[in-house]
Amino acid sequence: MLTVGDKFPSFDLTAVQGGPEGLKGPGKSFIQVTDQSDAGKWKVVFFWPKDFTFICPTEIAAFGKLQGEFNDRDAVIYGVSTDSEFVHLNWRVHNADIKDLPFPMLADVKRELSTALGVLDKAAGVPLRVTFIVDPEGTIMHVSVNGLNVGRNPQETLRILDALQTDELCPCNWTKGEEALKPEELFAKAA
């Protein structure tokens, strides 16, 4: 699996658009999203195992509710699974929790991005619940991985993005607005 410091791989995937544009139907709902899309922005790229399952929509909806917070931090969200764009569209249309999803759902049907990142579960052949935070230069700055049976916490992803964007030393449980660690002050106190 690629990790912190690695370059996020190039990709070119069909996606269901976020927002109301994504509900216009086949041929109108789809866009291409590449590694060059949203250039110069932070990217939060998260994978889920399968559409039409139970845990996945809870995570996807939770990321959607935080869309404005991520936008405020100059970050975009991309959700990815190995289901097709047609399956994504059908799921959005028929699931009230994700119907108004504001970000694109990328279709990695050939498993090219999942394989390049090394996120496929060896037994099930579907993506693990992996979240990447990628800086504007395309470098992976954070990776978290959950098994197939445990949902992640999008609020924690937002907290980590905040910490990464400070370019400071942020202690355990640090939240936006709190002081970062100042090594010179810590050494002065110890002397």
N, C-alpha and C. Protein backbone atom coordinates (compact mmCIF):
# COMPACT_ATOMS: atom_id res chain seq x y z
N MET A 1 0.85 -1.18 0.00
CA MET A 1 0.00 0.00 0.00
C MET A 1 0.90 1.24 0.00
N LEU A 2 0.54 2.21 -0.85
CA LEU A 2 1.27 3.47 -0.83
C LEU A 2 1.01 4.18 0.49
N THR A 3 1.97 4.99 0.91
CA THR A 3 1.86 5.61 2.22
C THR A 3 2.36 7.05 2.20
N VAL A 4 2.49 7.62 3.37
CA VAL A 4 2.90 9.02 3.52
C VAL A 4 4.24 9.25 2.82
N GLY A 5 4.29 10.30 2.03
CA GLY A 5 5.49 10.65 1.28
C GLY A 5 5.49 10.16 -0.15
N ASP A 6 4.67 9.17 -0.45
CA ASP A 6 4.56 8.66 -1.83
C ASP A 6 3.71 9.61 -2.66
N LYS A 7 3.96 9.60 -3.95
CA LYS A 7 3.12 10.36 -4.87
C LYS A 7 1.83 9.59 -5.13
N PHE A 8 0.72 10.31 -5.10
CA PHE A 8 -0.55 9.67 -5.44
C PHE A 8 -0.51 9.34 -6.92
N PRO A 9 -0.92 8.13 -7.32
CA PRO A 9 -0.81 7.74 -8.73
C PRO A 9 -1.72 8.54 -9.66
N SER A 10 -1.33 8.58 -10.91
CA SER A 10 -2.20 9.23 -11.89
C SER A 10 -3.40 8.32 -12.14
N PHE A 11 -4.53 8.94 -12.48
CA PHE A 11 -5.74 8.19 -12.75
C PHE A 11 -6.66 9.00 -13.65
N ASP A 12 -7.58 8.33 -14.29
CA ASP A 12 -8.60 8.95 -15.14
C ASP A 12 -9.83 8.06 -15.04
N LEU A 13 -10.80 8.49 -14.22
CA LEU A 13 -11.96 7.66 -13.92
C LEU A 13 -13.27 8.40 -14.23
N THR A 14 -14.26 7.65 -14.64
CA THR A 14 -15.60 8.20 -14.80
C THR A 14 -16.24 8.28 -13.43
N ALA A 15 -17.00 9.36 -13.21
CA ALA A 15 -17.63 9.57 -11.92
C ALA A 15 -19.05 10.09 -12.09
N VAL A 16 -19.86 9.84 -11.08
CA VAL A 16 -21.16 10.50 -10.98
C VAL A 16 -20.88 11.84 -10.31
N GLN A 17 -21.32 12.92 -10.96
CA GLN A 17 -21.10 14.25 -10.41
C GLN A 17 -21.76 14.38 -9.04
N GLY A 18 -21.20 15.24 -8.23
CA GLY A 18 -21.84 15.57 -6.97
C GLY A 18 -22.97 16.56 -7.21
N GLY A 19 -23.83 16.71 -6.21
CA GLY A 19 -24.92 17.67 -6.29
C GLY A 19 -26.02 17.25 -7.24
N PRO A 20 -26.92 18.18 -7.57
CA PRO A 20 -28.07 17.84 -8.42
C PRO A 20 -27.66 17.42 -9.84
N GLU A 21 -26.50 17.87 -10.30
CA GLU A 21 -26.03 17.48 -11.64
C GLU A 21 -25.87 15.97 -11.75
N GLY A 22 -25.53 15.33 -10.62
CA GLY A 22 -25.32 13.89 -10.62
C GLY A 22 -26.59 13.08 -10.74
N LEU A 23 -27.74 13.72 -10.65
CA LEU A 23 -29.01 12.98 -10.70
C LEU A 23 -29.76 13.18 -12.01
N LYS A 24 -29.11 13.72 -13.01
CA LYS A 24 -29.79 14.00 -14.29
C LYS A 24 -29.96 12.77 -15.17
N GLY A 25 -29.29 11.67 -14.84
CA GLY A 25 -29.45 10.45 -15.61
C GLY A 25 -28.23 10.14 -16.45
N PRO A 26 -28.16 8.89 -16.96
CA PRO A 26 -27.01 8.48 -17.78
C PRO A 26 -26.77 9.44 -18.94
N GLY A 27 -25.50 9.71 -19.17
CA GLY A 27 -25.13 10.63 -20.23
C GLY A 27 -25.08 12.07 -19.78
N LYS A 28 -25.77 12.42 -18.71
CA LYS A 28 -25.78 13.79 -18.18
C LYS A 28 -25.17 13.85 -16.79
N SER A 29 -25.14 12.74 -16.12
CA SER A 29 -24.67 12.71 -14.73
C SER A 29 -23.17 12.46 -14.60
N PHE A 30 -22.53 12.02 -15.68
CA PHE A 30 -21.16 11.54 -15.58
C PHE A 30 -20.13 12.58 -16.01
N ILE A 31 -19.00 12.55 -15.33
CA ILE A 31 -17.85 13.38 -15.67
C ILE A 31 -16.59 12.53 -15.56
N GLN A 32 -15.52 13.03 -16.13
CA GLN A 32 -14.21 12.39 -15.95
C GLN A 32 -13.48 13.14 -14.85
N VAL A 33 -12.88 12.41 -13.94
CA VAL A 33 -12.06 12.98 -12.89
C VAL A 33 -10.68 12.36 -13.02
N THR A 34 -9.66 13.20 -13.04
CA THR A 34 -8.28 12.72 -13.15
C THR A 34 -7.46 13.25 -11.98
N ASP A 35 -6.23 12.78 -11.91
CA ASP A 35 -5.32 13.28 -10.89
C ASP A 35 -5.03 14.77 -11.11
N GLN A 36 -5.31 15.30 -12.30
CA GLN A 36 -5.09 16.72 -12.58
C GLN A 36 -6.33 17.58 -12.29
N SER A 37 -7.46 16.93 -12.05
CA SER A 37 -8.67 17.69 -11.69
C SER A 37 -8.42 18.40 -10.36
N ASP A 38 -8.98 19.57 -10.23
CA ASP A 38 -8.83 20.35 -8.99
C ASP A 38 -7.37 20.56 -8.62
N ALA A 39 -6.55 20.84 -9.63
CA ALA A 39 -5.12 21.07 -9.41
C ALA A 39 -4.92 22.20 -8.39
N GLY A 40 -3.91 22.04 -7.55
CA GLY A 40 -3.59 23.06 -6.56
C GLY A 40 -4.41 22.97 -5.29
N LYS A 41 -5.29 21.99 -5.19
CA LYS A 41 -6.11 21.83 -3.98
C LYS A 41 -5.66 20.58 -3.21
N TRP A 42 -5.96 20.58 -1.93
CA TRP A 42 -5.82 19.38 -1.13
C TRP A 42 -6.92 18.42 -1.58
N LYS A 43 -6.64 17.12 -1.51
CA LYS A 43 -7.62 16.12 -1.90
C LYS A 43 -7.79 15.10 -0.78
N VAL A 44 -9.03 14.79 -0.50
CA VAL A 44 -9.36 13.69 0.40
C VAL A 44 -9.98 12.63 -0.48
N VAL A 45 -9.29 11.52 -0.62
CA VAL A 45 -9.74 10.43 -1.48
C VAL A 45 -10.04 9.24 -0.57
N PHE A 46 -11.31 8.84 -0.54
CA PHE A 46 -11.64 7.71 0.31
C PHE A 46 -12.32 6.60 -0.49
N PHE A 47 -12.02 5.39 -0.09
CA PHE A 47 -12.53 4.19 -0.77
C PHE A 47 -13.52 3.47 0.14
N TRP A 48 -14.54 2.88 -0.47
CA TRP A 48 -15.45 1.99 0.25
C TRP A 48 -15.55 0.70 -0.53
N PRO A 49 -15.93 -0.40 0.15
CA PRO A 49 -15.93 -1.72 -0.50
C PRO A 49 -16.94 -1.90 -1.64
N LYS A 50 -18.22 -1.62 -1.37
CA LYS A 50 -19.26 -1.90 -2.37
C LYS A 50 -20.44 -0.95 -2.19
N ASP A 51 -21.07 -0.62 -3.29
CA ASP A 51 -22.33 0.12 -3.25
C ASP A 51 -23.43 -0.81 -2.75
N PHE A 52 -24.54 -0.23 -2.35
CA PHE A 52 -25.72 -0.96 -1.87
C PHE A 52 -25.38 -1.87 -0.68
N THR A 53 -24.55 -1.34 0.22
CA THR A 53 -24.23 -2.08 1.44
C THR A 53 -24.69 -1.24 2.63
N PHE A 54 -24.29 -1.60 3.82
CA PHE A 54 -24.86 -1.00 5.02
C PHE A 54 -24.00 0.07 5.68
N ILE A 55 -22.71 -0.18 5.84
CA ILE A 55 -21.82 0.79 6.48
C ILE A 55 -21.47 1.92 5.52
N CYS A 56 -21.24 1.59 4.27
CA CYS A 56 -20.76 2.56 3.28
C CYS A 56 -21.60 3.84 3.20
N PRO A 57 -22.92 3.75 3.11
CA PRO A 57 -23.66 5.01 2.97
C PRO A 57 -23.57 5.89 4.22
N THR A 58 -23.34 5.28 5.39
CA THR A 58 -23.20 6.11 6.59
C THR A 58 -21.94 6.96 6.50
N GLU A 59 -20.86 6.37 6.00
CA GLU A 59 -19.59 7.10 5.84
C GLU A 59 -19.70 8.15 4.74
N ILE A 60 -20.27 7.75 3.62
CA ILE A 60 -20.38 8.65 2.47
C ILE A 60 -21.23 9.86 2.85
N ALA A 61 -22.35 9.63 3.51
CA ALA A 61 -23.22 10.73 3.94
C ALA A 61 -22.50 11.63 4.95
N ALA A 62 -21.71 11.05 5.84
CA ALA A 62 -20.98 11.84 6.84
C ALA A 62 -19.94 12.74 6.17
N PHE A 63 -19.24 12.23 5.15
CA PHE A 63 -18.32 13.08 4.39
C PHE A 63 -19.11 14.19 3.70
N GLY A 64 -20.26 13.84 3.13
CA GLY A 64 -21.08 14.84 2.44
C GLY A 64 -21.51 15.97 3.35
N LYS A 65 -21.86 15.66 4.60
CA LYS A 65 -22.27 16.70 5.55
C LYS A 65 -21.13 17.65 5.90
N LEU A 66 -19.90 17.19 5.72
CA LEU A 66 -18.74 18.03 6.02
C LEU A 66 -18.17 18.73 4.79
N GLN A 67 -18.84 18.59 3.65
CA GLN A 67 -18.34 19.17 2.40
C GLN A 67 -17.96 20.64 2.55
N GLY A 68 -18.81 21.44 3.17
CA GLY A 68 -18.53 22.86 3.35
C GLY A 68 -17.27 23.09 4.17
N GLU A 69 -17.06 22.27 5.19
CA GLU A 69 -15.85 22.37 6.02
C GLU A 69 -14.60 22.08 5.19
N PHE A 70 -14.67 21.04 4.36
CA PHE A 70 -13.54 20.72 3.50
C PHE A 70 -13.32 21.82 2.48
N ASN A 71 -14.39 22.35 1.90
CA ASN A 71 -14.27 23.46 0.95
C ASN A 71 -13.57 24.66 1.60
N ASP A 72 -13.93 24.96 2.85
CA ASP A 72 -13.30 26.07 3.57
C ASP A 72 -11.80 25.89 3.72
N ARG A 73 -11.33 24.67 3.61
CA ARG A 73 -9.91 24.37 3.76
C ARG A 73 -9.25 24.14 2.40
N ASP A 74 -9.92 24.55 1.34
CA ASP A 74 -9.42 24.41 -0.02
C ASP A 74 -9.13 22.95 -0.36
N ALA A 75 -10.03 22.07 0.10
CA ALA A 75 -9.88 20.64 -0.15
C ALA A 75 -11.11 20.11 -0.88
N VAL A 76 -10.89 19.14 -1.75
CA VAL A 76 -11.98 18.46 -2.44
C VAL A 76 -12.06 17.02 -1.95
N ILE A 77 -13.24 16.46 -2.05
CA ILE A 77 -13.46 15.07 -1.64
C ILE A 77 -13.78 14.25 -2.89
N TYR A 78 -13.12 13.10 -2.99
CA TYR A 78 -13.45 12.12 -4.02
C TYR A 78 -13.76 10.80 -3.31
N GLY A 79 -14.94 10.25 -3.54
CA GLY A 79 -15.27 8.92 -3.03
C GLY A 79 -15.09 7.91 -4.15
N VAL A 80 -14.54 6.75 -3.83
CA VAL A 80 -14.20 5.77 -4.86
C VAL A 80 -14.60 4.35 -4.42
N SER A 81 -15.18 3.60 -5.35
CA SER A 81 -15.31 2.15 -5.19
C SER A 81 -15.08 1.53 -6.55
N THR A 82 -15.10 0.21 -6.58
CA THR A 82 -14.89 -0.49 -7.84
C THR A 82 -16.19 -0.76 -8.58
N ASP A 83 -17.29 -0.23 -8.08
CA ASP A 83 -18.57 -0.32 -8.79
C ASP A 83 -18.57 0.66 -9.97
N SER A 84 -19.42 0.41 -10.95
CA SER A 84 -19.48 1.27 -12.13
C SER A 84 -20.22 2.57 -11.82
N GLU A 85 -20.06 3.52 -12.72
CA GLU A 85 -20.77 4.79 -12.58
C GLU A 85 -22.29 4.59 -12.65
N PHE A 86 -22.74 3.57 -13.36
CA PHE A 86 -24.18 3.28 -13.45
C PHE A 86 -24.71 2.76 -12.11
N VAL A 87 -23.92 1.94 -11.46
CA VAL A 87 -24.30 1.44 -10.13
C VAL A 87 -24.30 2.60 -9.14
N HIS A 88 -23.26 3.46 -9.19
CA HIS A 88 -23.22 4.64 -8.32
C HIS A 88 -24.47 5.50 -8.50
N LEU A 89 -24.83 5.76 -9.75
CA LEU A 89 -25.99 6.60 -10.05
C LEU A 89 -27.27 5.96 -9.49
N ASN A 90 -27.44 4.68 -9.74
CA ASN A 90 -28.62 3.98 -9.25
C ASN A 90 -28.69 4.03 -7.72
N TRP A 91 -27.55 3.87 -7.08
CA TRP A 91 -27.51 3.91 -5.62
C TRP A 91 -27.89 5.28 -5.10
N ARG A 92 -27.34 6.33 -5.73
CA ARG A 92 -27.70 7.69 -5.31
C ARG A 92 -29.19 7.95 -5.47
N VAL A 93 -29.74 7.52 -6.58
CA VAL A 93 -31.16 7.76 -6.85
C VAL A 93 -32.04 7.06 -5.82
N HIS A 94 -31.61 5.88 -5.36
CA HIS A 94 -32.47 5.06 -4.50
C HIS A 94 -32.08 5.05 -3.02
N ASN A 95 -31.11 5.84 -2.62
CA ASN A 95 -30.73 5.88 -1.21
C ASN A 95 -30.83 7.32 -0.72
N ALA A 96 -31.80 7.59 0.13
CA ALA A 96 -32.05 8.96 0.62
C ALA A 96 -30.84 9.56 1.32
N ASP A 97 -30.00 8.74 1.96
CA ASP A 97 -28.85 9.26 2.69
C ASP A 97 -27.80 9.88 1.78
N ILE A 98 -27.69 9.39 0.55
CA ILE A 98 -26.65 9.91 -0.35
C ILE A 98 -27.22 10.59 -1.60
N LYS A 99 -28.52 10.73 -1.65
CA LYS A 99 -29.16 11.32 -2.83
C LYS A 99 -28.62 12.72 -3.13
N ASP A 100 -28.39 13.52 -2.09
CA ASP A 100 -27.91 14.89 -2.27
C ASP A 100 -26.40 15.01 -2.10
N LEU A 101 -25.69 13.95 -2.33
CA LEU A 101 -24.24 13.92 -2.15
C LEU A 101 -23.57 15.04 -2.94
N PRO A 102 -22.74 15.87 -2.29
CA PRO A 102 -22.16 17.01 -2.98
C PRO A 102 -20.84 16.76 -3.70
N PHE A 103 -20.25 15.57 -3.57
CA PHE A 103 -18.96 15.31 -4.22
C PHE A 103 -19.09 14.12 -5.17
N PRO A 104 -18.15 13.99 -6.11
CA PRO A 104 -18.25 12.91 -7.10
C PRO A 104 -17.95 11.53 -6.52
N MET A 105 -18.62 10.54 -7.10
CA MET A 105 -18.39 9.13 -6.78
C MET A 105 -17.65 8.51 -7.97
N LEU A 106 -16.38 8.20 -7.78
CA LEU A 106 -15.54 7.70 -8.85
C LEU A 106 -15.69 6.19 -9.01
N ALA A 107 -15.70 5.74 -10.26
CA ALA A 107 -15.88 4.33 -10.60
C ALA A 107 -14.55 3.73 -11.06
N ASP A 108 -13.94 2.96 -10.19
CA ASP A 108 -12.66 2.30 -10.49
C ASP A 108 -12.92 0.86 -10.93
N VAL A 109 -13.73 0.72 -11.98
CA VAL A 109 -14.18 -0.61 -12.41
C VAL A 109 -13.04 -1.53 -12.82
N LYS A 110 -12.01 -1.01 -13.40
CA LYS A 110 -10.87 -1.85 -13.81
C LYS A 110 -9.89 -2.07 -12.65
N ARG A 111 -10.19 -1.47 -11.51
CA ARG A 111 -9.36 -1.60 -10.30
C ARG A 111 -7.94 -1.06 -10.50
N GLU A 112 -7.78 -0.16 -11.45
CA GLU A 112 -6.44 0.39 -11.72
C GLU A 112 -5.94 1.26 -10.58
N LEU A 113 -6.77 2.19 -10.11
CA LEU A 113 -6.34 3.06 -9.00
C LEU A 113 -6.22 2.26 -7.72
N SER A 114 -7.18 1.40 -7.44
CA SER A 114 -7.14 0.57 -6.23
C SER A 114 -5.89 -0.30 -6.20
N THR A 115 -5.53 -0.85 -7.34
CA THR A 115 -4.34 -1.70 -7.43
C THR A 115 -3.07 -0.86 -7.28
N ALA A 116 -3.03 0.29 -7.95
CA ALA A 116 -1.84 1.16 -7.87
C ALA A 116 -1.59 1.61 -6.43
N LEU A 117 -2.67 1.84 -5.69
CA LEU A 117 -2.54 2.26 -4.30
C LEU A 117 -2.34 1.08 -3.35
N GLY A 118 -2.70 -0.12 -3.79
CA GLY A 118 -2.57 -1.30 -2.95
C GLY A 118 -3.64 -1.41 -1.89
N VAL A 119 -4.87 -0.99 -2.20
CA VAL A 119 -5.93 -0.94 -1.18
C VAL A 119 -6.96 -2.07 -1.28
N LEU A 120 -6.77 -3.01 -2.18
CA LEU A 120 -7.75 -4.09 -2.32
C LEU A 120 -7.58 -5.14 -1.23
N ASP A 121 -8.68 -5.53 -0.61
CA ASP A 121 -8.67 -6.60 0.37
C ASP A 121 -8.29 -7.89 -0.34
N LYS A 122 -7.31 -8.60 0.21
CA LYS A 122 -6.79 -9.79 -0.47
C LYS A 122 -7.83 -10.89 -0.61
N ALA A 123 -8.70 -11.03 0.36
CA ALA A 123 -9.70 -12.10 0.30
C ALA A 123 -10.93 -11.70 -0.51
N ALA A 124 -11.44 -10.49 -0.29
CA ALA A 124 -12.70 -10.08 -0.92
C ALA A 124 -12.51 -9.43 -2.29
N GLY A 125 -11.31 -8.91 -2.58
CA GLY A 125 -11.06 -8.28 -3.88
C GLY A 125 -11.70 -6.92 -4.06
N VAL A 126 -12.18 -6.33 -2.96
CA VAL A 126 -12.77 -4.99 -2.99
C VAL A 126 -11.91 -4.06 -2.14
N PRO A 127 -12.06 -2.74 -2.33
CA PRO A 127 -11.23 -1.82 -1.54
C PRO A 127 -11.55 -1.90 -0.05
N LEU A 128 -10.50 -1.80 0.74
CA LEU A 128 -10.66 -1.60 2.17
C LEU A 128 -11.20 -0.19 2.38
N ARG A 129 -11.58 0.14 3.60
CA ARG A 129 -12.03 1.50 3.93
C ARG A 129 -10.79 2.35 4.18
N VAL A 130 -10.23 2.86 3.08
CA VAL A 130 -8.98 3.60 3.13
C VAL A 130 -9.25 5.07 2.82
N THR A 131 -8.59 5.95 3.56
CA THR A 131 -8.69 7.39 3.34
C THR A 131 -7.30 7.95 3.13
N PHE A 132 -7.14 8.71 2.05
CA PHE A 132 -5.88 9.40 1.77
C PHE A 132 -6.11 10.90 1.84
N ILE A 133 -5.18 11.61 2.45
CA ILE A 133 -5.14 13.07 2.34
C ILE A 133 -3.91 13.38 1.50
N VAL A 134 -4.14 14.09 0.40
CA VAL A 134 -3.09 14.37 -0.59
C VAL A 134 -2.89 15.87 -0.67
N ASP A 135 -1.64 16.32 -0.59
CA ASP A 135 -1.38 17.77 -0.63
C ASP A 135 -1.49 18.31 -2.05
N PRO A 136 -1.47 19.63 -2.23
CA PRO A 136 -1.64 20.21 -3.56
C PRO A 136 -0.59 19.80 -4.59
N GLU A 137 0.55 19.27 -4.12
CA GLU A 137 1.60 18.80 -5.04
C GLU A 137 1.43 17.33 -5.41
N GLY A 138 0.40 16.68 -4.86
CA GLY A 138 0.14 15.27 -5.19
C GLY A 138 0.85 14.28 -4.29
N THR A 139 1.36 14.73 -3.15
CA THR A 139 2.04 13.84 -2.21
C THR A 139 1.06 13.39 -1.13
N ILE A 140 1.08 12.10 -0.86
CA ILE A 140 0.23 11.55 0.20
C ILE A 140 0.77 12.03 1.54
N MET A 141 -0.10 12.67 2.32
CA MET A 141 0.30 13.21 3.62
C MET A 141 -0.30 12.43 4.78
N HIS A 142 -1.33 11.64 4.51
CA HIS A 142 -1.99 10.85 5.56
C HIS A 142 -2.71 9.67 4.92
N VAL A 143 -2.66 8.53 5.60
CA VAL A 143 -3.41 7.34 5.18
C VAL A 143 -4.02 6.72 6.42
N SER A 144 -5.28 6.37 6.34
CA SER A 144 -5.89 5.56 7.41
C SER A 144 -6.64 4.41 6.76
N VAL A 145 -6.64 3.27 7.44
CA VAL A 145 -7.24 2.06 6.88
C VAL A 145 -8.10 1.39 7.94
N ASN A 146 -9.31 1.09 7.56
CA ASN A 146 -10.21 0.30 8.41
C ASN A 146 -10.54 -0.99 7.67
N GLY A 147 -10.83 -2.03 8.43
CA GLY A 147 -11.29 -3.27 7.82
C GLY A 147 -12.66 -3.07 7.19
N LEU A 148 -13.15 -4.09 6.56
CA LEU A 148 -14.41 -4.00 5.84
C LEU A 148 -15.61 -3.80 6.76
N ASN A 149 -15.49 -4.17 8.04
CA ASN A 149 -16.65 -4.16 8.92
C ASN A 149 -16.72 -2.96 9.87
N VAL A 150 -15.81 -1.99 9.75
CA VAL A 150 -15.80 -0.85 10.67
C VAL A 150 -15.73 0.45 9.89
N GLY A 151 -16.72 1.32 10.12
CA GLY A 151 -16.74 2.62 9.44
C GLY A 151 -15.71 3.58 10.01
N ARG A 152 -15.33 4.55 9.21
CA ARG A 152 -14.34 5.56 9.63
C ARG A 152 -15.04 6.80 10.16
N ASN A 153 -14.25 7.76 10.64
CA ASN A 153 -14.76 8.99 11.22
C ASN A 153 -14.33 10.18 10.35
N PRO A 154 -15.19 10.69 9.47
CA PRO A 154 -14.83 11.81 8.61
C PRO A 154 -14.44 13.07 9.40
N GLN A 155 -14.99 13.24 10.59
CA GLN A 155 -14.61 14.39 11.42
C GLN A 155 -13.13 14.31 11.78
N GLU A 156 -12.62 13.11 12.03
CA GLU A 156 -11.19 12.93 12.33
C GLU A 156 -10.36 13.24 11.09
N THR A 157 -10.85 12.89 9.92
CA THR A 157 -10.14 13.23 8.68
C THR A 157 -10.02 14.75 8.56
N LEU A 158 -11.07 15.46 8.88
CA LEU A 158 -11.05 16.93 8.85
C LEU A 158 -10.04 17.48 9.86
N ARG A 159 -10.01 16.89 11.06
CA ARG A 159 -9.06 17.33 12.09
C ARG A 159 -7.62 17.13 11.63
N ILE A 160 -7.36 15.99 11.01
CA ILE A 160 -6.01 15.71 10.52
C ILE A 160 -5.65 16.67 9.39
N LEU A 161 -6.58 16.95 8.49
CA LEU A 161 -6.33 17.93 7.44
C LEU A 161 -5.98 19.29 8.04
N ASP A 162 -6.72 19.72 9.05
CA ASP A 162 -6.41 20.98 9.73
C ASP A 162 -4.98 20.97 10.26
N ALA A 163 -4.60 19.89 10.91
CA ALA A 163 -3.25 19.79 11.48
C ALA A 163 -2.19 19.83 10.38
N LEU A 164 -2.42 19.08 9.30
CA LEU A 164 -1.45 19.07 8.20
C LEU A 164 -1.29 20.46 7.59
N GLN A 165 -2.37 21.20 7.49
CA GLN A 165 -2.31 22.51 6.86
C GLN A 165 -1.61 23.56 7.74
N THR A 166 -1.42 23.29 9.03
CA THR A 166 -0.70 24.24 9.88
C THR A 166 0.79 24.21 9.61
N ASP A 167 1.29 23.07 9.15
CA ASP A 167 2.72 22.85 8.98
C ASP A 167 3.47 23.06 10.30
N GLU A 168 2.79 22.76 11.39
CA GLU A 168 3.33 22.89 12.75
C GLU A 168 3.35 21.52 13.41
N LEU A 169 3.87 21.48 14.63
CA LEU A 169 3.84 20.26 15.44
C LEU A 169 2.55 20.26 16.24
N CYS A 170 1.64 19.38 15.90
CA CYS A 170 0.33 19.34 16.54
C CYS A 170 0.26 18.13 17.47
N PRO A 171 -0.02 18.36 18.76
CA PRO A 171 -0.05 17.26 19.72
C PRO A 171 -1.30 16.39 19.55
N CYS A 172 -1.32 15.33 20.33
CA CYS A 172 -2.46 14.41 20.36
C CYS A 172 -3.75 15.19 20.63
N ASN A 173 -4.78 14.87 19.89
CA ASN A 173 -6.11 15.46 20.04
C ASN A 173 -6.16 16.96 19.73
N TRP A 174 -5.14 17.49 19.09
CA TRP A 174 -5.13 18.90 18.71
C TRP A 174 -6.33 19.18 17.81
N THR A 175 -6.94 20.35 17.99
CA THR A 175 -8.01 20.78 17.10
C THR A 175 -7.72 22.20 16.62
N LYS A 176 -8.32 22.54 15.49
CA LYS A 176 -8.12 23.84 14.88
C LYS A 176 -8.39 24.96 15.89
N GLY A 177 -7.47 25.91 15.94
CA GLY A 177 -7.59 27.03 16.86
C GLY A 177 -6.72 26.87 18.10
N GLU A 178 -6.30 25.65 18.39
CA GLU A 178 -5.43 25.42 19.53
C GLU A 178 -3.98 25.72 19.16
N GLU A 179 -3.18 25.96 20.18
CA GLU A 179 -1.76 26.21 19.98
C GLU A 179 -1.06 24.93 19.52
N ALA A 180 -0.13 25.10 18.62
CA ALA A 180 0.74 23.99 18.23
C ALA A 180 1.91 23.95 19.22
N LEU A 181 2.64 22.86 19.19
CA LEU A 181 3.80 22.74 20.08
C LEU A 181 4.92 23.64 19.59
N LYS A 182 5.60 24.27 20.52
CA LYS A 182 6.75 25.12 20.22
C LYS A 182 7.96 24.51 20.91
N PRO A 183 8.80 23.75 20.19
CA PRO A 183 9.92 23.06 20.82
C PRO A 183 10.83 23.99 21.63
N GLU A 184 11.05 25.21 21.13
CA GLU A 184 11.93 26.12 21.84
C GLU A 184 11.36 26.47 23.23
N GLU A 185 10.05 26.57 23.34
CA GLU A 185 9.41 26.85 24.63
C GLU A 185 9.51 25.64 25.54
N LEU A 186 9.34 24.44 24.98
CA LEU A 186 9.43 23.22 25.78
C LEU A 186 10.84 23.03 26.32
N PHE A 187 11.86 23.33 25.50
CA PHE A 187 13.24 23.20 25.96
C PHE A 187 13.54 24.25 27.02
N ALA A 188 13.01 25.45 26.87
CA ALA A 188 13.24 26.52 27.85
C ALA A 188 12.65 26.13 29.20
N LYS A 189 11.46 25.52 29.20
CA LYS A 189 10.82 25.10 30.45
C LYS A 189 11.61 23.99 31.14
N ALA A 190 12.23 23.11 30.35
CA ALA A 190 12.97 21.99 30.89
C ALA A 190 14.32 22.42 31.47
N ALA A 191 14.82 23.55 31.04
CA ALA A 191 16.17 24.00 31.48
C ALA A 191 16.16 24.63 32.86
